[in-house]
Amino acid sequence: MFDRDVSGLAVGGPVKYMGMNIGSVVHMDLDTAEGVRVQVDIEILATTPVDSGTYASLALQGITGVAVVNIDNGFGAAVFAHLILRQKL
């Protein structure tokens, strides 16, 4: 869930881990259960290391304004409150 603007992000957009393409955005929707947030569902490779320290953030690619979801481990400022992953086999 993102609680900030996700401009430039779209279904089909890339998901990267350490700069490598590992998947894509498969669904986006508004979640109004606790304020207004954007739910972003991603599908990633089953071999991608995901644990309790894994977080997602948004970044812009080049000058195009297209956003990419970056997956990383550790503590980050931009954090998914909950990662919803569909891992590819």
PDB file of N, CA and C in Angstrom:
ATOM      1  N   MET A   1       0.834  -1.172   0.000  1.00  0.00           N
ATOM      2  CA  MET A   1       0.000   0.000   0.000  1.00  0.00           C
ATOM      3  C   MET A   1       0.884   1.242   0.000  1.00  0.00           C
ATOM      4  N   PHE A   2       0.548   2.162  -0.818  1.00  0.00           N
ATOM      5  CA  PHE A   2       1.245   3.441  -0.836  1.00  0.00           C
ATOM      6  C   PHE A   2       0.300   4.513  -0.323  1.00  0.00           C
ATOM      7  N   ASP A   3       0.787   5.373   0.541  1.00  0.00           N
ATOM      8  CA  ASP A   3      -0.045   6.452   1.051  1.00  0.00           C
ATOM      9  C   ASP A   3       0.349   7.795   0.437  1.00  0.00           C
ATOM     10  N   ARG A   4       1.030   7.714  -0.693  1.00  0.00           N
ATOM     11  CA  ARG A   4       1.406   8.932  -1.418  1.00  0.00           C
ATOM     12  C   ARG A   4       1.131   8.750  -2.903  1.00  0.00           C
ATOM     13  N   ASP A   5       1.330   9.802  -3.648  1.00  0.00           N
ATOM     14  CA  ASP A   5       1.071   9.828  -5.085  1.00  0.00           C
ATOM     15  C   ASP A   5       1.873   8.744  -5.814  1.00  0.00           C
ATOM     16  N   VAL A   6       1.202   8.003  -6.687  1.00  0.00           N
ATOM     17  CA  VAL A   6       1.875   6.971  -7.480  1.00  0.00           C
ATOM     18  C   VAL A   6       1.853   7.327  -8.973  1.00  0.00           C
ATOM     19  N   SER A   7       1.862   8.615  -9.261  1.00  0.00           N
ATOM     20  CA  SER A   7       1.855   9.067 -10.662  1.00  0.00           C
ATOM     21  C   SER A   7       2.975   8.405 -11.447  1.00  0.00           C
ATOM     22  N   GLY A   8       2.653   7.981 -12.658  1.00  0.00           N
ATOM     23  CA  GLY A   8       3.628   7.346 -13.531  1.00  0.00           C
ATOM     24  C   GLY A   8       3.662   5.839 -13.406  1.00  0.00           C
ATOM     25  N   LEU A   9       3.017   5.291 -12.364  1.00  0.00           N
ATOM     26  CA  LEU A   9       2.959   3.849 -12.183  1.00  0.00           C
ATOM     27  C   LEU A   9       1.689   3.325 -12.840  1.00  0.00           C
ATOM     28  N   ALA A  10       1.790   2.194 -13.530  1.00  0.00           N
ATOM     29  CA  ALA A  10       0.641   1.627 -14.234  1.00  0.00           C
ATOM     30  C   ALA A  10       0.714   0.106 -14.217  1.00  0.00           C
ATOM     31  N   VAL A  11      -0.436  -0.518 -14.397  1.00  0.00           N
ATOM     32  CA  VAL A  11      -0.468  -1.973 -14.537  1.00  0.00           C
ATOM     33  C   VAL A  11       0.443  -2.345 -15.706  1.00  0.00           C
ATOM     34  N   GLY A  12       1.276  -3.343 -15.499  1.00  0.00           N
ATOM     35  CA  GLY A  12       2.259  -3.738 -16.506  1.00  0.00           C
ATOM     36  C   GLY A  12       3.604  -3.092 -16.289  1.00  0.00           C
ATOM     37  N   GLY A  13       3.663  -2.126 -15.364  1.00  0.00           N
ATOM     38  CA  GLY A  13       4.917  -1.433 -15.082  1.00  0.00           C
ATOM     39  C   GLY A  13       5.939  -2.364 -14.449  1.00  0.00           C
ATOM     40  N   PRO A  14       7.218  -2.039 -14.564  1.00  0.00           N
ATOM     41  CA  PRO A  14       8.283  -2.915 -14.078  1.00  0.00           C
ATOM     42  C   PRO A  14       8.442  -2.926 -12.562  1.00  0.00           C
ATOM     43  N   VAL A  15       8.892  -4.068 -12.065  1.00  0.00           N
ATOM     44  CA  VAL A  15       9.300  -4.228 -10.668  1.00  0.00           C
ATOM     45  C   VAL A  15      10.752  -4.674 -10.705  1.00  0.00           C
ATOM     46  N   LYS A  16      11.603  -4.002  -9.920  1.00  0.00           N
ATOM     47  CA  LYS A  16      13.037  -4.305  -9.947  1.00  0.00           C
ATOM     48  C   LYS A  16      13.547  -4.635  -8.557  1.00  0.00           C
ATOM     49  N   TYR A  17      14.560  -5.495  -8.523  1.00  0.00           N
ATOM     50  CA  TYR A  17      15.280  -5.833  -7.301  1.00  0.00           C
ATOM     51  C   TYR A  17      16.755  -5.645  -7.595  1.00  0.00           C
ATOM     52  N   MET A  18      17.401  -4.737  -6.882  1.00  0.00           N
ATOM     53  CA  MET A  18      18.816  -4.423  -7.113  1.00  0.00           C
ATOM     54  C   MET A  18      19.077  -4.074  -8.582  1.00  0.00           C
ATOM     55  N   GLY A  19      18.133  -3.367  -9.203  1.00  0.00           N
ATOM     56  CA  GLY A  19      18.283  -2.923 -10.580  1.00  0.00           C
ATOM     57  C   GLY A  19      17.902  -3.929 -11.643  1.00  0.00           C
ATOM     58  N   MET A  20      17.554  -5.149 -11.226  1.00  0.00           N
ATOM     59  CA  MET A  20      17.210  -6.208 -12.177  1.00  0.00           C
ATOM     60  C   MET A  20      15.694  -6.331 -12.291  1.00  0.00           C
ATOM     61  N   ASN A  21      15.187  -6.475 -13.516  1.00  0.00           N
ATOM     62  CA  ASN A  21      13.753  -6.679 -13.710  1.00  0.00           C
ATOM     63  C   ASN A  21      13.362  -8.046 -13.160  1.00  0.00           C
ATOM     64  N   ILE A  22      12.402  -8.047 -12.213  1.00  0.00           N
ATOM     65  CA  ILE A  22      11.978  -9.302 -11.602  1.00  0.00           C
ATOM     66  C   ILE A  22      10.476  -9.529 -11.696  1.00  0.00           C
ATOM     67  N   GLY A  23       9.749  -8.592 -12.280  1.00  0.00           N
ATOM     68  CA  GLY A  23       8.304  -8.770 -12.358  1.00  0.00           C
ATOM     69  C   GLY A  23       7.599  -7.536 -12.863  1.00  0.00           C
ATOM     70  N   SER A  24       6.295  -7.484 -12.555  1.00  0.00           N
ATOM     71  CA  SER A  24       5.485  -6.366 -13.035  1.00  0.00           C
ATOM     72  C   SER A  24       4.314  -6.088 -12.091  1.00  0.00           C
ATOM     73  N   VAL A  25       3.746  -4.911 -12.253  1.00  0.00           N
ATOM     74  CA  VAL A  25       2.542  -4.516 -11.527  1.00  0.00           C
ATOM     75  C   VAL A  25       1.363  -5.213 -12.199  1.00  0.00           C
ATOM     76  N   VAL A  26       0.549  -5.929 -11.418  1.00  0.00           N
ATOM     77  CA  VAL A  26      -0.573  -6.673 -12.005  1.00  0.00           C
ATOM     78  C   VAL A  26      -1.935  -6.069 -11.689  1.00  0.00           C
ATOM     79  N   HIS A  27      -1.999  -5.209 -10.645  1.00  0.00           N
ATOM     80  CA  HIS A  27      -3.287  -4.614 -10.289  1.00  0.00           C
ATOM     81  C   HIS A  27      -3.061  -3.396  -9.415  1.00  0.00           C
ATOM     82  N   MET A  28      -3.903  -2.377  -9.581  1.00  0.00           N
ATOM     83  CA  MET A  28      -3.861  -1.180  -8.743  1.00  0.00           C
ATOM     84  C   MET A  28      -5.291  -0.810  -8.392  1.00  0.00           C
ATOM     85  N   ASP A  29      -5.487  -0.378  -7.130  1.00  0.00           N
ATOM     86  CA  ASP A  29      -6.830   0.002  -6.704  1.00  0.00           C
ATOM     87  C   ASP A  29      -6.720   0.931  -5.502  1.00  0.00           C
ATOM     88  N   LEU A  30      -7.781   1.716  -5.266  1.00  0.00           N
ATOM     89  CA  LEU A  30      -7.837   2.556  -4.078  1.00  0.00           C
ATOM     90  C   LEU A  30      -8.331   1.741  -2.900  1.00  0.00           C
ATOM     91  N   ASP A  31      -7.709   1.932  -1.756  1.00  0.00           N
ATOM     92  CA  ASP A  31      -8.137   1.294  -0.514  1.00  0.00           C
ATOM     93  C   ASP A  31      -8.569   2.411   0.428  1.00  0.00           C
ATOM     94  N   THR A  32      -9.848   2.429   0.777  1.00  0.00           N
ATOM     95  CA  THR A  32     -10.368   3.496   1.629  1.00  0.00           C
ATOM     96  C   THR A  32     -10.732   2.993   3.026  1.00  0.00           C
ATOM     97  N   ALA A  33     -10.275   1.800   3.391  1.00  0.00           N
ATOM     98  CA  ALA A  33     -10.604   1.230   4.696  1.00  0.00           C
ATOM     99  C   ALA A  33     -10.045   2.069   5.844  1.00  0.00           C
ATOM    100  N   GLU A  34      -8.852   2.581   5.708  1.00  0.00           N
ATOM    101  CA  GLU A  34      -8.212   3.408   6.735  1.00  0.00           C
ATOM    102  C   GLU A  34      -7.597   4.621   6.061  1.00  0.00           C
ATOM    103  N   GLY A  35      -8.406   5.588   5.716  1.00  0.00           N
ATOM    104  CA  GLY A  35      -7.938   6.731   4.947  1.00  0.00           C
ATOM    105  C   GLY A  35      -7.922   6.341   3.481  1.00  0.00           C
ATOM    106  N   VAL A  36      -7.135   7.035   2.689  1.00  0.00           N
ATOM    107  CA  VAL A  36      -7.032   6.712   1.266  1.00  0.00           C
ATOM    108  C   VAL A  36      -5.611   6.309   0.951  1.00  0.00           C
ATOM    109  N   ARG A  37      -5.458   5.089   0.448  1.00  0.00           N
ATOM    110  CA  ARG A  37      -4.153   4.565   0.045  1.00  0.00           C
ATOM    111  C   ARG A  37      -4.320   3.881  -1.306  1.00  0.00           C
ATOM    112  N   VAL A  38      -3.199   3.639  -1.965  1.00  0.00           N
ATOM    113  CA  VAL A  38      -3.221   2.935  -3.247  1.00  0.00           C
ATOM    114  C   VAL A  38      -2.650   1.536  -3.038  1.00  0.00           C
ATOM    115  N   GLN A  39      -3.475   0.530  -3.326  1.00  0.00           N
ATOM    116  CA  GLN A  39      -3.006  -0.856  -3.261  1.00  0.00           C
ATOM    117  C   GLN A  39      -2.365  -1.189  -4.596  1.00  0.00           C
ATOM    118  N   VAL A  40      -1.145  -1.685  -4.553  1.00  0.00           N
ATOM    119  CA  VAL A  40      -0.411  -2.064  -5.754  1.00  0.00           C
ATOM    120  C   VAL A  40      -0.023  -3.528  -5.609  1.00  0.00           C
ATOM    121  N   ASP A  41      -0.610  -4.394  -6.436  1.00  0.00           N
ATOM    122  CA  ASP A  41      -0.274  -5.818  -6.434  1.00  0.00           C
ATOM    123  C   ASP A  41       0.802  -6.054  -7.483  1.00  0.00           C
ATOM    124  N   ILE A  42       1.822  -6.812  -7.105  1.00  0.00           N
ATOM    125  CA  ILE A  42       2.912  -7.110  -8.033  1.00  0.00           C
ATOM    126  C   ILE A  42       3.094  -8.607  -8.156  1.00  0.00           C
ATOM    127  N   GLU A  43       3.637  -9.006  -9.282  1.00  0.00           N
ATOM    128  CA  GLU A  43       3.996 -10.406  -9.516  1.00  0.00           C
ATOM    129  C   GLU A  43       5.492 -10.421  -9.746  1.00  0.00           C
ATOM    130  N   ILE A  44       6.198 -11.269  -8.977  1.00  0.00           N
ATOM    131  CA  ILE A  44       7.656 -11.309  -9.087  1.00  0.00           C
ATOM    132  C   ILE A  44       8.146 -12.751  -9.221  1.00  0.00           C
ATOM    133  N   LEU A  45       9.396 -12.889  -9.622  1.00  0.00           N
ATOM    134  CA  LEU A  45      10.014 -14.208  -9.731  1.00  0.00           C
ATOM    135  C   LEU A  45      10.037 -14.912  -8.379  1.00  0.00           C
ATOM    136  N   ALA A  46       9.769 -16.195  -8.379  1.00  0.00           N
ATOM    137  CA  ALA A  46       9.757 -16.989  -7.141  1.00  0.00           C
ATOM    138  C   ALA A  46      11.125 -17.000  -6.470  1.00  0.00           C
ATOM    139  N   THR A  47      12.176 -16.753  -7.205  1.00  0.00           N
ATOM    140  CA  THR A  47      13.534 -16.773  -6.658  1.00  0.00           C
ATOM    141  C   THR A  47      13.920 -15.454  -5.974  1.00  0.00           C
ATOM    142  N   THR A  48      13.039 -14.470  -6.003  1.00  0.00           N
ATOM    143  CA  THR A  48      13.333 -13.188  -5.379  1.00  0.00           C
ATOM    144  C   THR A  48      13.306 -13.323  -3.859  1.00  0.00           C
ATOM    145  N   PRO A  49      14.372 -12.915  -3.168  1.00  0.00           N
ATOM    146  CA  PRO A  49      14.386 -13.031  -1.711  1.00  0.00           C
ATOM    147  C   PRO A  49      13.431 -12.025  -1.062  1.00  0.00           C
ATOM    148  N   VAL A  50      12.406 -12.534  -0.385  1.00  0.00           N
ATOM    149  CA  VAL A  50      11.421 -11.698   0.298  1.00  0.00           C
ATOM    150  C   VAL A  50      11.299 -12.190   1.733  1.00  0.00           C
ATOM    151  N   ASP A  51      11.447 -11.258   2.688  1.00  0.00           N
ATOM    152  CA  ASP A  51      11.272 -11.610   4.094  1.00  0.00           C
ATOM    153  C   ASP A  51      10.633 -10.431   4.820  1.00  0.00           C
ATOM    154  N   SER A  52      10.622 -10.469   6.131  1.00  0.00           N
ATOM    155  CA  SER A  52       9.945  -9.429   6.913  1.00  0.00           C
ATOM    156  C   SER A  52      10.612  -8.058   6.783  1.00  0.00           C
ATOM    157  N   GLY A  53      11.853  -7.999   6.308  1.00  0.00           N
ATOM    158  CA  GLY A  53      12.542  -6.731   6.119  1.00  0.00           C
ATOM    159  C   GLY A  53      12.422  -6.167   4.713  1.00  0.00           C
ATOM    160  N   THR A  54      11.686  -6.857   3.849  1.00  0.00           N
ATOM    161  CA  THR A  54      11.548  -6.431   2.456  1.00  0.00           C
ATOM    162  C   THR A  54      10.561  -5.271   2.348  1.00  0.00           C
ATOM    163  N   TYR A  55      10.927  -4.252   1.588  1.00  0.00           N
ATOM    164  CA  TYR A  55      10.042  -3.113   1.381  1.00  0.00           C
ATOM    165  C   TYR A  55      10.047  -2.709  -0.089  1.00  0.00           C
ATOM    166  N   ALA A  56       9.057  -1.913  -0.450  1.00  0.00           N
ATOM    167  CA  ALA A  56       8.946  -1.424  -1.823  1.00  0.00           C
ATOM    168  C   ALA A  56       8.897   0.092  -1.818  1.00  0.00           C
ATOM    169  N   SER A  57       9.491   0.686  -2.831  1.00  0.00           N
ATOM    170  CA  SER A  57       9.445   2.134  -3.002  1.00  0.00           C
ATOM    171  C   SER A  57       9.266   2.433  -4.478  1.00  0.00           C
ATOM    172  N   LEU A  58       8.884   3.663  -4.782  1.00  0.00           N
ATOM    173  CA  LEU A  58       8.717   4.084  -6.171  1.00  0.00           C
ATOM    174  C   LEU A  58       9.887   4.944  -6.605  1.00  0.00           C
ATOM    175  N   ALA A  59      10.267   4.821  -7.871  1.00  0.00           N
ATOM    176  CA  ALA A  59      11.302   5.665  -8.454  1.00  0.00           C
ATOM    177  C   ALA A  59      10.913   5.960  -9.889  1.00  0.00           C
ATOM    178  N   LEU A  60      11.352   7.085 -10.397  1.00  0.00           N
ATOM    179  CA  LEU A  60      11.090   7.432 -11.789  1.00  0.00           C
ATOM    180  C   LEU A  60      12.237   6.941 -12.656  1.00  0.00           C
ATOM    181  N   GLN A  61      11.873   6.418 -13.844  1.00  0.00           N
ATOM    182  CA  GLN A  61      12.876   5.940 -14.799  1.00  0.00           C
ATOM    183  C   GLN A  61      13.228   7.073 -15.751  1.00  0.00           C
ATOM    184  N   GLY A  62      14.449   7.477 -15.738  1.00  0.00           N
ATOM    185  CA  GLY A  62      14.915   8.492 -16.684  1.00  0.00           C
ATOM    186  C   GLY A  62      14.077   9.749 -16.664  1.00  0.00           C
ATOM    187  N   ILE A  63      13.870  10.343 -17.839  1.00  0.00           N
ATOM    188  CA  ILE A  63      13.107  11.588 -17.936  1.00  0.00           C
ATOM    189  C   ILE A  63      11.694  11.359 -18.450  1.00  0.00           C
ATOM    190  N   THR A  64      11.296  10.104 -18.591  1.00  0.00           N
ATOM    191  CA  THR A  64       9.987   9.785 -19.166  1.00  0.00           C
ATOM    192  C   THR A  64       8.837   9.976 -18.194  1.00  0.00           C
ATOM    193  N   GLY A  65       9.098   9.990 -16.890  1.00  0.00           N
ATOM    194  CA  GLY A  65       8.038  10.101 -15.903  1.00  0.00           C
ATOM    195  C   GLY A  65       7.387   8.774 -15.574  1.00  0.00           C
ATOM    196  N   VAL A  66       7.892   7.684 -16.179  1.00  0.00           N
ATOM    197  CA  VAL A  66       7.365   6.350 -15.894  1.00  0.00           C
ATOM    198  C   VAL A  66       7.947   5.876 -14.568  1.00  0.00           C
ATOM    199  N   ALA A  67       7.069   5.400 -13.676  1.00  0.00           N
ATOM    200  CA  ALA A  67       7.520   4.941 -12.362  1.00  0.00           C
ATOM    201  C   ALA A  67       7.796   3.446 -12.373  1.00  0.00           C
ATOM    202  N   VAL A  68       8.701   3.046 -11.511  1.00  0.00           N
ATOM    203  CA  VAL A  68       9.064   1.644 -11.340  1.00  0.00           C
ATOM    204  C   VAL A  68       8.976   1.326  -9.846  1.00  0.00           C
ATOM    205  N   VAL A  69       8.557   0.102  -9.519  1.00  0.00           N
ATOM    206  CA  VAL A  69       8.551  -0.349  -8.137  1.00  0.00           C
ATOM    207  C   VAL A  69       9.901  -0.988  -7.862  1.00  0.00           C
ATOM    208  N   ASN A  70      10.597  -0.482  -6.851  1.00  0.00           N
ATOM    209  CA  ASN A  70      11.877  -1.050  -6.429  1.00  0.00           C
ATOM    210  C   ASN A  70      11.657  -1.871  -5.168  1.00  0.00           C
ATOM    211  N   ILE A  71      12.107  -3.119  -5.183  1.00  0.00           N
ATOM    212  CA  ILE A  71      12.042  -3.988  -4.018  1.00  0.00           C
ATOM    213  C   ILE A  71      13.435  -4.050  -3.410  1.00  0.00           C
ATOM    214  N   ASP A  72      13.524  -3.919  -2.094  1.00  0.00           N
ATOM    215  CA  ASP A  72      14.811  -3.969  -1.421  1.00  0.00           C
ATOM    216  C   ASP A  72      14.622  -4.554  -0.025  1.00  0.00           C
ATOM    217  N   ASN A  73      15.715  -4.875   0.625  1.00  0.00           N
ATOM    218  CA  ASN A  73      15.682  -5.386   1.993  1.00  0.00           C
ATOM    219  C   ASN A  73      16.309  -4.371   2.930  1.00  0.00           C
ATOM    220  N   GLY A  74      15.882  -4.354   4.159  1.00  0.00           N
ATOM    221  CA  GLY A  74      16.391  -3.421   5.149  1.00  0.00           C
ATOM    222  C   GLY A  74      15.307  -2.459   5.559  1.00  0.00           C
ATOM    223  N   PHE A  75      15.715  -1.311   6.053  1.00  0.00           N
ATOM    224  CA  PHE A  75      14.754  -0.315   6.512  1.00  0.00           C
ATOM    225  C   PHE A  75      14.761   0.849   5.552  1.00  0.00           C
ATOM    226  N   GLY A  76      13.587   1.202   5.038  1.00  0.00           N
ATOM    227  CA  GLY A  76      13.479   2.300   4.091  1.00  0.00           C
ATOM    228  C   GLY A  76      12.431   3.304   4.529  1.00  0.00           C
ATOM    229  N   ALA A  77      12.514   4.503   3.987  1.00  0.00           N
ATOM    230  CA  ALA A  77      11.555   5.549   4.337  1.00  0.00           C
ATOM    231  C   ALA A  77      10.216   5.303   3.661  1.00  0.00           C
ATOM    232  N   ALA A  78      10.240   4.853   2.417  1.00  0.00           N
ATOM    233  CA  ALA A  78       9.004   4.578   1.694  1.00  0.00           C
ATOM    234  C   ALA A  78       8.727   3.088   1.809  1.00  0.00           C
ATOM    235  N   VAL A  79       7.775   2.742   2.599  1.00  0.00           N
ATOM    236  CA  VAL A  79       7.535   1.337   2.913  1.00  0.00           C
ATOM    237  C   VAL A  79       6.130   0.931   2.535  1.00  0.00           C
ATOM    238  N   PHE A  80       5.989  -0.247   1.949  1.00  0.00           N
ATOM    239  CA  PHE A  80       4.685  -0.853   1.799  1.00  0.00           C
ATOM    240  C   PHE A  80       4.238  -1.228   3.196  1.00  0.00           C
ATOM    241  N   ALA A  81       3.039  -0.860   3.577  1.00  0.00           N
ATOM    242  CA  ALA A  81       2.507  -1.314   4.855  1.00  0.00           C
ATOM    243  C   ALA A  81       2.329  -2.827   4.799  1.00  0.00           C
ATOM    244  N   HIS A  82       2.083  -3.323   3.612  1.00  0.00           N
ATOM    245  CA  HIS A  82       1.870  -4.756   3.427  1.00  0.00           C
ATOM    246  C   HIS A  82       2.226  -5.086   1.987  1.00  0.00           C
ATOM    247  N   LEU A  83       3.154  -5.993   1.777  1.00  0.00           N
ATOM    248  CA  LEU A  83       3.508  -6.405   0.429  1.00  0.00           C
ATOM    249  C   LEU A  83       2.576  -7.520  -0.008  1.00  0.00           C
ATOM    250  N   ILE A  84       1.910  -7.335  -1.147  1.00  0.00           N
ATOM    251  CA  ILE A  84       1.063  -8.383  -1.708  1.00  0.00           C
ATOM    252  C   ILE A  84       1.778  -8.899  -2.938  1.00  0.00           C
ATOM    253  N   LEU A  85       2.303 -10.096  -2.843  1.00  0.00           N
ATOM    254  CA  LEU A  85       3.121 -10.642  -3.905  1.00  0.00           C
ATOM    255  C   LEU A  85       2.465 -11.856  -4.549  1.00  0.00           C
ATOM    256  N   ARG A  86       2.562 -11.927  -5.827  1.00  0.00           N
ATOM    257  CA  ARG A  86       2.191 -13.131  -6.572  1.00  0.00           C
ATOM    258  C   ARG A  86       3.475 -13.581  -7.232  1.00  0.00           C
ATOM    259  N   GLN A  87       4.080 -14.609  -6.710  1.00  0.00           N
ATOM    260  CA  GLN A  87       5.379 -15.025  -7.233  1.00  0.00           C
ATOM    261  C   GLN A  87       5.217 -15.978  -8.398  1.00  0.00           C
ATOM    262  N   LYS A  88       5.981 -15.711  -9.463  1.00  0.00           N
ATOM    263  CA  LYS A  88       6.011 -16.571 -10.644  1.00  0.00           C
ATOM    264  C   LYS A  88       6.827 -17.810 -10.320  1.00  0.00           C
ATOM    265  N   LEU A  89       6.472 -18.914 -10.896  1.00  0.00           N
ATOM    266  CA  LEU A  89       7.243 -20.144 -10.703  1.00  0.00           C
ATOM    267  C   LEU A  89       8.384 -20.207 -11.683  1.00  0.00           C
TER     268      LEU A  89
END
